[in-house]
Amino acid sequence: MEALTVWAFEVFAADGLVRIDLLHEGDDDASCRVAEKSGYAFAEVVPAFPPSYPLDGHRHCRKRLDTTERYRPE
């Protein structure tokens, strides 16, 4: 996940990419752990939107910083 994150920030920085969000269902503990271990900080609970998304979700995000700070969680 780190390689993809770094690639996306480098390739799309000129287009204004400053944040990447990772979304998953709130009851998916494994996805939460992967997101956090990959530097995507928990940002908020996203309300359910039935019928497509019947359960609340989690939004994790990571921001692009300048070259001295590189990339870090929000």
PDB file of N, CA and C in Angstrom:
ATOM      1  N   MET A   1       0.819  -1.179   0.000  1.00  0.00           N
ATOM      2  CA  MET A   1       0.000   0.000   0.000  1.00  0.00           C
ATOM      3  C   MET A   1       0.873   1.256   0.000  1.00  0.00           C
ATOM      4  N   GLU A   2       2.013   1.198   0.659  1.00  0.00           N
ATOM      5  CA  GLU A   2       2.906   2.356   0.706  1.00  0.00           C
ATOM      6  C   GLU A   2       3.370   2.754  -0.687  1.00  0.00           C
ATOM      7  N   ALA A   3       3.757   1.767  -1.484  1.00  0.00           N
ATOM      8  CA  ALA A   3       4.241   2.075  -2.835  1.00  0.00           C
ATOM      9  C   ALA A   3       3.155   2.744  -3.672  1.00  0.00           C
ATOM     10  N   LEU A   4       1.941   2.265  -3.577  1.00  0.00           N
ATOM     11  CA  LEU A   4       0.834   2.857  -4.328  1.00  0.00           C
ATOM     12  C   LEU A   4       0.542   4.276  -3.843  1.00  0.00           C
ATOM     13  N   THR A   5       0.594   4.500  -2.542  1.00  0.00           N
ATOM     14  CA  THR A   5       0.354   5.821  -1.984  1.00  0.00           C
ATOM     15  C   THR A   5       1.406   6.816  -2.465  1.00  0.00           C
ATOM     16  N   VAL A   6       2.664   6.430  -2.356  1.00  0.00           N
ATOM     17  CA  VAL A   6       3.755   7.309  -2.802  1.00  0.00           C
ATOM     18  C   VAL A   6       3.618   7.597  -4.291  1.00  0.00           C
ATOM     19  N   TRP A   7       3.343   6.566  -5.075  1.00  0.00           N
ATOM     20  CA  TRP A   7       3.175   6.746  -6.524  1.00  0.00           C
ATOM     21  C   TRP A   7       2.042   7.722  -6.821  1.00  0.00           C
ATOM     22  N   ALA A   8       0.895   7.546  -6.185  1.00  0.00           N
ATOM     23  CA  ALA A   8      -0.260   8.420  -6.447  1.00  0.00           C
ATOM     24  C   ALA A   8       0.061   9.868  -6.108  1.00  0.00           C
ATOM     25  N   PHE A   9       0.696  10.101  -4.962  1.00  0.00           N
ATOM     26  CA  PHE A   9       1.037  11.478  -4.595  1.00  0.00           C
ATOM     27  C   PHE A   9       2.037  12.085  -5.578  1.00  0.00           C
ATOM     28  N   GLU A  10       3.014  11.308  -6.013  1.00  0.00           N
ATOM     29  CA  GLU A  10       4.017  11.838  -6.943  1.00  0.00           C
ATOM     30  C   GLU A  10       3.423  12.102  -8.321  1.00  0.00           C
ATOM     31  N   VAL A  11       2.614  11.186  -8.821  1.00  0.00           N
ATOM     32  CA  VAL A  11       2.065  11.313 -10.168  1.00  0.00           C
ATOM     33  C   VAL A  11       0.989  12.383 -10.257  1.00  0.00           C
ATOM     34  N   PHE A  12       0.150  12.478  -9.219  1.00  0.00           N
ATOM     35  CA  PHE A  12      -0.996  13.381  -9.301  1.00  0.00           C
ATOM     36  C   PHE A  12      -0.835  14.675  -8.508  1.00  0.00           C
ATOM     37  N   ALA A  13       0.341  14.943  -7.969  1.00  0.00           N
ATOM     38  CA  ALA A  13       0.568  16.178  -7.213  1.00  0.00           C
ATOM     39  C   ALA A  13       0.318  17.409  -8.079  1.00  0.00           C
ATOM     40  N   ALA A  14       0.763  17.361  -9.312  1.00  0.00           N
ATOM     41  CA  ALA A  14       0.572  18.508 -10.206  1.00  0.00           C
ATOM     42  C   ALA A  14      -0.908  18.770 -10.496  1.00  0.00           C
ATOM     43  N   ASP A  15      -1.731  17.744 -10.350  1.00  0.00           N
ATOM     44  CA  ASP A  15      -3.179  17.890 -10.563  1.00  0.00           C
ATOM     45  C   ASP A  15      -3.899  18.331  -9.292  1.00  0.00           C
ATOM     46  N   GLY A  16      -3.143  18.518  -8.207  1.00  0.00           N
ATOM     47  CA  GLY A  16      -3.742  19.011  -6.974  1.00  0.00           C
ATOM     48  C   GLY A  16      -4.069  17.962  -5.929  1.00  0.00           C
ATOM     49  N   LEU A  17      -3.598  16.729  -6.112  1.00  0.00           N
ATOM     50  CA  LEU A  17      -3.884  15.687  -5.123  1.00  0.00           C
ATOM     51  C   LEU A  17      -3.149  16.004  -3.820  1.00  0.00           C
ATOM     52  N   VAL A  18      -3.897  16.183  -2.747  1.00  0.00           N
ATOM     53  CA  VAL A  18      -3.290  16.461  -1.447  1.00  0.00           C
ATOM     54  C   VAL A  18      -3.742  15.479  -0.369  1.00  0.00           C
ATOM     55  N   ARG A  19      -4.759  14.666  -0.666  1.00  0.00           N
ATOM     56  CA  ARG A  19      -5.249  13.712   0.322  1.00  0.00           C
ATOM     57  C   ARG A  19      -5.799  12.479  -0.382  1.00  0.00           C
ATOM     58  N   ILE A  20      -5.549  11.316   0.221  1.00  0.00           N
ATOM     59  CA  ILE A  20      -6.130  10.069  -0.260  1.00  0.00           C
ATOM     60  C   ILE A  20      -6.983   9.505   0.874  1.00  0.00           C
ATOM     61  N   ASP A  21      -8.222   9.165   0.557  1.00  0.00           N
ATOM     62  CA  ASP A  21      -9.130   8.569   1.526  1.00  0.00           C
ATOM     63  C   ASP A  21      -9.237   7.073   1.277  1.00  0.00           C
ATOM     64  N   LEU A  22      -9.345   6.330   2.356  1.00  0.00           N
ATOM     65  CA  LEU A  22      -9.563   4.898   2.301  1.00  0.00           C
ATOM     66  C   LEU A  22     -10.855   4.639   3.067  1.00  0.00           C
ATOM     67  N   LEU A  23     -11.829   4.006   2.418  1.00  0.00           N
ATOM     68  CA  LEU A  23     -13.126   3.739   3.033  1.00  0.00           C
ATOM     69  C   LEU A  23     -13.355   2.242   3.183  1.00  0.00           C
ATOM     70  N   HIS A  24     -13.988   1.852   4.282  1.00  0.00           N
ATOM     71  CA  HIS A  24     -14.361   0.449   4.475  1.00  0.00           C
ATOM     72  C   HIS A  24     -15.547   0.389   5.423  1.00  0.00           C
ATOM     73  N   GLU A  25     -16.231  -0.753   5.444  1.00  0.00           N
ATOM     74  CA  GLU A  25     -17.357  -0.923   6.355  1.00  0.00           C
ATOM     75  C   GLU A  25     -16.858  -0.924   7.798  1.00  0.00           C
ATOM     76  N   GLY A  26     -17.641  -0.332   8.665  1.00  0.00           N
ATOM     77  CA  GLY A  26     -17.229  -0.150  10.051  1.00  0.00           C
ATOM     78  C   GLY A  26     -16.994  -1.421  10.830  1.00  0.00           C
ATOM     79  N   ASP A  27     -17.607  -2.517  10.415  1.00  0.00           N
ATOM     80  CA  ASP A  27     -17.413  -3.773  11.149  1.00  0.00           C
ATOM     81  C   ASP A  27     -16.243  -4.599  10.615  1.00  0.00           C
ATOM     82  N   ASP A  28     -15.458  -4.038   9.736  1.00  0.00           N
ATOM     83  CA  ASP A  28     -14.319  -4.743   9.141  1.00  0.00           C
ATOM     84  C   ASP A  28     -13.032  -4.367   9.884  1.00  0.00           C
ATOM     85  N   ASP A  29     -12.793  -5.041  11.009  1.00  0.00           N
ATOM     86  CA  ASP A  29     -11.644  -4.728  11.852  1.00  0.00           C
ATOM     87  C   ASP A  29     -10.308  -4.926  11.140  1.00  0.00           C
ATOM     88  N   ALA A  30     -10.236  -5.926  10.282  1.00  0.00           N
ATOM     89  CA  ALA A  30      -8.984  -6.191   9.563  1.00  0.00           C
ATOM     90  C   ALA A  30      -8.628  -5.013   8.654  1.00  0.00           C
ATOM     91  N   SER A  31      -9.614  -4.449   7.967  1.00  0.00           N
ATOM     92  CA  SER A  31      -9.346  -3.298   7.100  1.00  0.00           C
ATOM     93  C   SER A  31      -8.901  -2.094   7.906  1.00  0.00           C
ATOM     94  N   CYS A  32      -9.455  -1.937   9.098  1.00  0.00           N
ATOM     95  CA  CYS A  32      -9.033  -0.846   9.984  1.00  0.00           C
ATOM     96  C   CYS A  32      -7.549  -0.991  10.337  1.00  0.00           C
ATOM     97  N   ARG A  33      -7.155  -2.201  10.695  1.00  0.00           N
ATOM     98  CA  ARG A  33      -5.757  -2.436  11.064  1.00  0.00           C
ATOM     99  C   ARG A  33      -4.827  -2.184   9.882  1.00  0.00           C
ATOM    100  N   VAL A  34      -5.201  -2.646   8.708  1.00  0.00           N
ATOM    101  CA  VAL A  34      -4.366  -2.435   7.520  1.00  0.00           C
ATOM    102  C   VAL A  34      -4.232  -0.944   7.226  1.00  0.00           C
ATOM    103  N   ALA A  35      -5.344  -0.219   7.287  1.00  0.00           N
ATOM    104  CA  ALA A  35      -5.312   1.221   7.018  1.00  0.00           C
ATOM    105  C   ALA A  35      -4.375   1.932   7.991  1.00  0.00           C
ATOM    106  N   GLU A  36      -4.517   1.652   9.268  1.00  0.00           N
ATOM    107  CA  GLU A  36      -3.700   2.329  10.268  1.00  0.00           C
ATOM    108  C   GLU A  36      -2.225   1.947  10.165  1.00  0.00           C
ATOM    109  N   LYS A  37      -1.945   0.685   9.902  1.00  0.00           N
ATOM    110  CA  LYS A  37      -0.549   0.263   9.741  1.00  0.00           C
ATOM    111  C   LYS A  37       0.076   0.841   8.477  1.00  0.00           C
ATOM    112  N   SER A  38      -0.764   1.247   7.532  1.00  0.00           N
ATOM    113  CA  SER A  38      -0.277   1.843   6.285  1.00  0.00           C
ATOM    114  C   SER A  38      -0.191   3.365   6.360  1.00  0.00           C
ATOM    115  N   GLY A  39      -0.432   3.914   7.541  1.00  0.00           N
ATOM    116  CA  GLY A  39      -0.303   5.350   7.722  1.00  0.00           C
ATOM    117  C   GLY A  39      -1.560   6.149   7.427  1.00  0.00           C
ATOM    118  N   TYR A  40      -2.678   5.465   7.250  1.00  0.00           N
ATOM    119  CA  TYR A  40      -3.952   6.143   7.012  1.00  0.00           C
ATOM    120  C   TYR A  40      -4.673   6.269   8.353  1.00  0.00           C
ATOM    121  N   ALA A  41      -4.714   7.467   8.887  1.00  0.00           N
ATOM    122  CA  ALA A  41      -5.321   7.700  10.195  1.00  0.00           C
ATOM    123  C   ALA A  41      -6.841   7.668  10.099  1.00  0.00           C
ATOM    124  N   PHE A  42      -7.476   7.158  11.153  1.00  0.00           N
ATOM    125  CA  PHE A  42      -8.931   7.173  11.207  1.00  0.00           C
ATOM    126  C   PHE A  42      -9.386   8.624  11.251  1.00  0.00           C
ATOM    127  N   ALA A  43     -10.349   8.975  10.390  1.00  0.00           N
ATOM    128  CA  ALA A  43     -10.828  10.352  10.319  1.00  0.00           C
ATOM    129  C   ALA A  43     -12.255  10.501  10.819  1.00  0.00           C
ATOM    130  N   GLU A  44     -13.142   9.568  10.438  1.00  0.00           N
ATOM    131  CA  GLU A  44     -14.534   9.705  10.839  1.00  0.00           C
ATOM    132  C   GLU A  44     -15.331   8.452  10.531  1.00  0.00           C
ATOM    133  N   VAL A  45     -16.497   8.377  11.168  1.00  0.00           N
ATOM    134  CA  VAL A  45     -17.480   7.348  10.829  1.00  0.00           C
ATOM    135  C   VAL A  45     -18.370   7.932   9.740  1.00  0.00           C
ATOM    136  N   VAL A  46     -18.553   7.180   8.671  1.00  0.00           N
ATOM    137  CA  VAL A  46     -19.398   7.600   7.553  1.00  0.00           C
ATOM    138  C   VAL A  46     -20.745   6.901   7.705  1.00  0.00           C
ATOM    139  N   PRO A  47     -21.843   7.660   7.740  1.00  0.00           N
ATOM    140  CA  PRO A  47     -23.154   7.038   7.923  1.00  0.00           C
ATOM    141  C   PRO A  47     -23.519   6.083   6.795  1.00  0.00           C
ATOM    142  N   ALA A  48     -24.299   5.088   7.140  1.00  0.00           N
ATOM    143  CA  ALA A  48     -24.798   4.130   6.147  1.00  0.00           C
ATOM    144  C   ALA A  48     -25.635   4.864   5.098  1.00  0.00           C
ATOM    145  N   PHE A  49     -25.673   4.278   3.894  1.00  0.00           N
ATOM    146  CA  PHE A  49     -26.449   4.847   2.790  1.00  0.00           C
ATOM    147  C   PHE A  49     -27.122   3.700   2.054  1.00  0.00           C
ATOM    148  N   PRO A  50     -28.153   3.127   2.685  1.00  0.00           N
ATOM    149  CA  PRO A  50     -28.843   1.980   2.075  1.00  0.00           C
ATOM    150  C   PRO A  50     -29.493   2.359   0.750  1.00  0.00           C
ATOM    151  N   PRO A  51     -29.665   1.465  -0.175  1.00  0.00           N
ATOM    152  CA  PRO A  51     -29.362   0.038  -0.065  1.00  0.00           C
ATOM    153  C   PRO A  51     -27.931  -0.310  -0.456  1.00  0.00           C
ATOM    154  N   SER A  52     -27.209   0.599  -1.114  1.00  0.00           N
ATOM    155  CA  SER A  52     -25.855   0.273  -1.572  1.00  0.00           C
ATOM    156  C   SER A  52     -24.885   0.033  -0.421  1.00  0.00           C
ATOM    157  N   TYR A  53     -24.971   0.859   0.612  1.00  0.00           N
ATOM    158  CA  TYR A  53     -24.074   0.762   1.760  1.00  0.00           C
ATOM    159  C   TYR A  53     -24.920   0.662   3.027  1.00  0.00           C
ATOM    160  N   PRO A  54     -25.315  -0.565   3.397  1.00  0.00           N
ATOM    161  CA  PRO A  54     -26.269  -0.726   4.506  1.00  0.00           C
ATOM    162  C   PRO A  54     -25.673  -0.481   5.893  1.00  0.00           C
ATOM    163  N   LEU A  55     -24.348  -0.499   6.028  1.00  0.00           N
ATOM    164  CA  LEU A  55     -23.708  -0.315   7.333  1.00  0.00           C
ATOM    165  C   LEU A  55     -22.898   0.968   7.367  1.00  0.00           C
ATOM    166  N   ASP A  56     -22.717   1.515   8.573  1.00  0.00           N
ATOM    167  CA  ASP A  56     -21.813   2.650   8.721  1.00  0.00           C
ATOM    168  C   ASP A  56     -20.417   2.232   8.269  1.00  0.00           C
ATOM    169  N   GLY A  57     -19.639   3.186   7.837  1.00  0.00           N
ATOM    170  CA  GLY A  57     -18.280   2.906   7.393  1.00  0.00           C
ATOM    171  C   GLY A  57     -17.266   3.747   8.138  1.00  0.00           C
ATOM    172  N   HIS A  58     -16.022   3.517   7.842  1.00  0.00           N
ATOM    173  CA  HIS A  58     -14.929   4.311   8.383  1.00  0.00           C
ATOM    174  C   HIS A  58     -14.200   4.980   7.230  1.00  0.00           C
ATOM    175  N   ARG A  59     -13.775   6.225   7.474  1.00  0.00           N
ATOM    176  CA  ARG A  59     -12.917   6.918   6.512  1.00  0.00           C
ATOM    177  C   ARG A  59     -11.573   7.133   7.180  1.00  0.00           C
ATOM    178  N   HIS A  60     -10.538   6.649   6.521  1.00  0.00           N
ATOM    179  CA  HIS A  60      -9.159   6.880   6.946  1.00  0.00           C
ATOM    180  C   HIS A  60      -8.544   7.772   5.867  1.00  0.00           C
ATOM    181  N   CYS A  61      -7.583   8.597   6.240  1.00  0.00           N
ATOM    182  CA  CYS A  61      -6.976   9.440   5.211  1.00  0.00           C
ATOM    183  C   CYS A  61      -5.495   9.667   5.474  1.00  0.00           C
ATOM    184  N   ARG A  62      -4.865  10.068   4.405  1.00  0.00           N
ATOM    185  CA  ARG A  62      -3.438  10.384   4.447  1.00  0.00           C
ATOM    186  C   ARG A  62      -3.221  11.606   3.586  1.00  0.00           C
ATOM    187  N   LYS A  63      -2.466  12.580   4.099  1.00  0.00           N
ATOM    188  CA  LYS A  63      -2.224  13.823   3.370  1.00  0.00           C
ATOM    189  C   LYS A  63      -0.817  13.848   2.794  1.00  0.00           C
ATOM    190  N   ARG A  64      -0.698  14.552   1.664  1.00  0.00           N
ATOM    191  CA  ARG A  64       0.620  14.791   1.057  1.00  0.00           C
ATOM    192  C   ARG A  64       1.194  16.038   1.696  1.00  0.00           C
ATOM    193  N   LEU A  65       2.434  15.955   2.107  1.00  0.00           N
ATOM    194  CA  LEU A  65       3.103  17.098   2.700  1.00  0.00           C
ATOM    195  C   LEU A  65       4.216  17.560   1.775  1.00  0.00           C
ATOM    196  N   ASP A  66       4.906  18.618   2.172  1.00  0.00           N
ATOM    197  CA  ASP A  66       6.030  19.060   1.342  1.00  0.00           C
ATOM    198  C   ASP A  66       7.157  18.035   1.440  1.00  0.00           C
ATOM    199  N   THR A  67       8.210  18.240   0.693  1.00  0.00           N
ATOM    200  CA  THR A  67       9.264  17.222   0.596  1.00  0.00           C
ATOM    201  C   THR A  67      10.029  17.044   1.906  1.00  0.00           C
ATOM    202  N   THR A  68      10.012  18.019   2.797  1.00  0.00           N
ATOM    203  CA  THR A  68      10.726  17.845   4.062  1.00  0.00           C
ATOM    204  C   THR A  68       9.977  16.931   5.012  1.00  0.00           C
ATOM    205  N   GLU A  69       8.655  16.900   4.900  1.00  0.00           N
ATOM    206  CA  GLU A  69       7.854  16.062   5.782  1.00  0.00           C
ATOM    207  C   GLU A  69       7.423  14.758   5.118  1.00  0.00           C
ATOM    208  N   ARG A  70       7.554  14.673   3.797  1.00  0.00           N
ATOM    209  CA  ARG A  70       7.086  13.537   3.012  1.00  0.00           C
ATOM    210  C   ARG A  70       5.604  13.306   3.232  1.00  0.00           C
ATOM    211  N   TYR A  71       5.211  12.102   3.567  1.00  0.00           N
ATOM    212  CA  TYR A  71       3.798  11.762   3.700  1.00  0.00           C
ATOM    213  C   TYR A  71       3.520  11.341   5.129  1.00  0.00           C
ATOM    214  N   ARG A  72       2.380  11.733   5.659  1.00  0.00           N
ATOM    215  CA  ARG A  72       2.024  11.348   7.022  1.00  0.00           C
ATOM    216  C   ARG A  72       0.515  11.232   7.130  1.00  0.00           C
ATOM    217  N   PRO A  73       0.022  10.555   8.186  1.00  0.00           N
ATOM    218  CA  PRO A  73      -1.430  10.491   8.390  1.00  0.00           C
ATOM    219  C   PRO A  73      -1.994  11.877   8.667  1.00  0.00           C
ATOM    220  N   GLU A  74      -3.271  12.054   8.429  1.00  0.00           N
ATOM    221  CA  GLU A  74      -3.938  13.332   8.696  1.00  0.00           C
ATOM    222  C   GLU A  74      -4.010  13.582  10.176  1.00  0.00           C
TER     223      GLU A  74
END
